[in-house]
């Protein structure tokens, strides 16, 4: 089924394109009012590491959540992320 393919692709990418790899918990739920539709919910628990993602151009980047969107972490944001995750010493 289409849901199985999507689930497999995302789980595979979570291990192969994210470093260190993550293993999301996956929930499949019905759409209220329309039993013919299903939604996959992927949940990743917080870790003590900053994770990178390798995109289609084979570039490795850090991303952060800002509200309900995902943005590339650049410059001082990357530094702040790495300090918060204790992967980089704060400036003295």
Protein backbone atom coordinates (compact mmCIF):
# COMPACT_ATOMS: atom_id res chain seq x y z
CA UNK A 1 0.00 0.00 0.00
CA UNK A 2 1.01 3.64 -0.40
CA UNK A 3 1.24 4.17 3.38
CA UNK A 4 3.66 1.23 3.70
CA UNK A 5 5.88 2.70 0.96
CA UNK A 6 5.91 6.17 2.57
CA UNK A 7 6.58 4.71 6.01
CA UNK A 8 9.43 2.55 4.67
CA UNK A 9 11.02 5.48 2.79
CA UNK A 10 10.94 7.80 5.80
CA UNK A 11 12.27 5.15 8.19
CA UNK A 12 15.05 4.31 5.73
CA UNK A 13 15.98 8.00 5.28
CA UNK A 14 15.95 8.53 9.07
CA UNK A 15 18.74 5.95 9.36
CA UNK A 16 20.69 6.70 6.18
CA UNK A 17 20.43 10.49 5.76
CA UNK A 18 20.35 11.67 9.38
CA UNK A 19 23.53 11.49 11.49
CA UNK A 20 23.47 10.18 14.09
CA UNK A 21 20.56 8.14 12.76
CA UNK A 22 17.17 8.24 14.44
CA UNK A 23 14.38 5.68 14.72
CA UNK A 24 10.99 7.40 14.82
CA UNK A 25 7.94 5.91 16.48
CA UNK A 26 5.21 5.66 13.84
CA UNK A 27 1.48 5.90 14.46
CA UNK A 28 -1.19 5.39 11.83
CA UNK A 29 -4.48 7.14 12.53
CA UNK A 30 -7.81 7.55 10.75
CA UNK A 31 -8.96 10.93 9.52
CA UNK A 32 -12.04 11.88 11.57
CA UNK A 33 -15.13 11.76 9.41
CA UNK A 34 -13.40 9.85 6.57
CA UNK A 35 -12.47 6.26 7.37
CA UNK A 36 -11.04 5.84 3.86
CA UNK A 37 -8.12 8.18 4.71
CA UNK A 38 -5.21 7.43 7.03
CA UNK A 39 -2.39 9.66 8.32
CA UNK A 40 1.10 8.62 9.42
CA UNK A 41 2.54 10.43 12.44
CA UNK A 42 6.30 10.17 12.96
CA UNK A 43 7.59 11.03 16.42
CA UNK A 44 11.29 11.40 17.24
CA UNK A 45 12.30 11.77 20.86
CA UNK A 46 14.81 14.48 21.79
CA UNK A 47 18.42 13.37 22.12
CA UNK A 48 21.60 14.87 23.49
CA UNK A 49 23.04 15.26 19.99
CA UNK A 50 22.61 17.77 17.19
CA UNK A 51 21.66 15.79 14.08
CA UNK A 52 22.63 16.59 10.50
CA UNK A 53 20.58 15.80 7.40
CA UNK A 54 22.05 14.93 3.99
CA UNK A 55 19.81 16.43 1.29
CA UNK A 56 19.30 15.52 -2.40
CA UNK A 57 22.34 17.57 -3.41
CA UNK A 58 24.38 15.42 -0.97
CA UNK A 59 24.97 18.45 1.26
CA UNK A 60 25.02 17.89 5.01
CA UNK A 61 23.21 20.59 7.00
CA UNK A 62 21.63 21.25 10.38
CA UNK A 63 17.92 22.08 10.54
CA UNK A 64 15.83 23.48 13.38
CA UNK A 65 12.14 23.86 14.09
CA UNK A 66 10.81 27.41 14.30
CA UNK A 67 7.17 27.30 15.28
CA UNK A 68 5.47 25.00 12.79
CA UNK A 69 8.17 25.18 10.11
CA UNK A 70 11.63 23.72 9.56
CA UNK A 71 14.54 26.02 8.68
CA UNK A 72 18.20 25.49 7.92
CA UNK A 73 20.34 26.43 10.91
CA UNK A 74 23.08 28.83 9.80
CA UNK A 75 25.91 30.81 11.36
CA UNK A 76 25.20 31.70 14.99
CA UNK A 77 22.16 29.41 15.12
CA UNK A 78 24.36 26.36 14.39
CA UNK A 79 26.81 27.48 17.07
CA UNK A 80 23.97 27.95 19.57
CA UNK A 81 22.55 24.52 18.68
CA UNK A 82 25.91 22.80 19.18
CA UNK A 83 26.52 24.62 22.49
CA UNK A 84 23.05 23.65 23.75
CA UNK A 85 23.72 20.02 22.84
CA UNK A 86 27.14 20.24 24.56
CA UNK A 87 28.95 19.38 21.32
CA UNK A 88 30.79 22.70 21.33
CA UNK A 89 32.27 24.71 24.15
CA UNK A 90 30.61 28.11 24.69
CA UNK A 91 32.71 31.18 23.96
CA UNK A 92 34.77 32.15 27.00
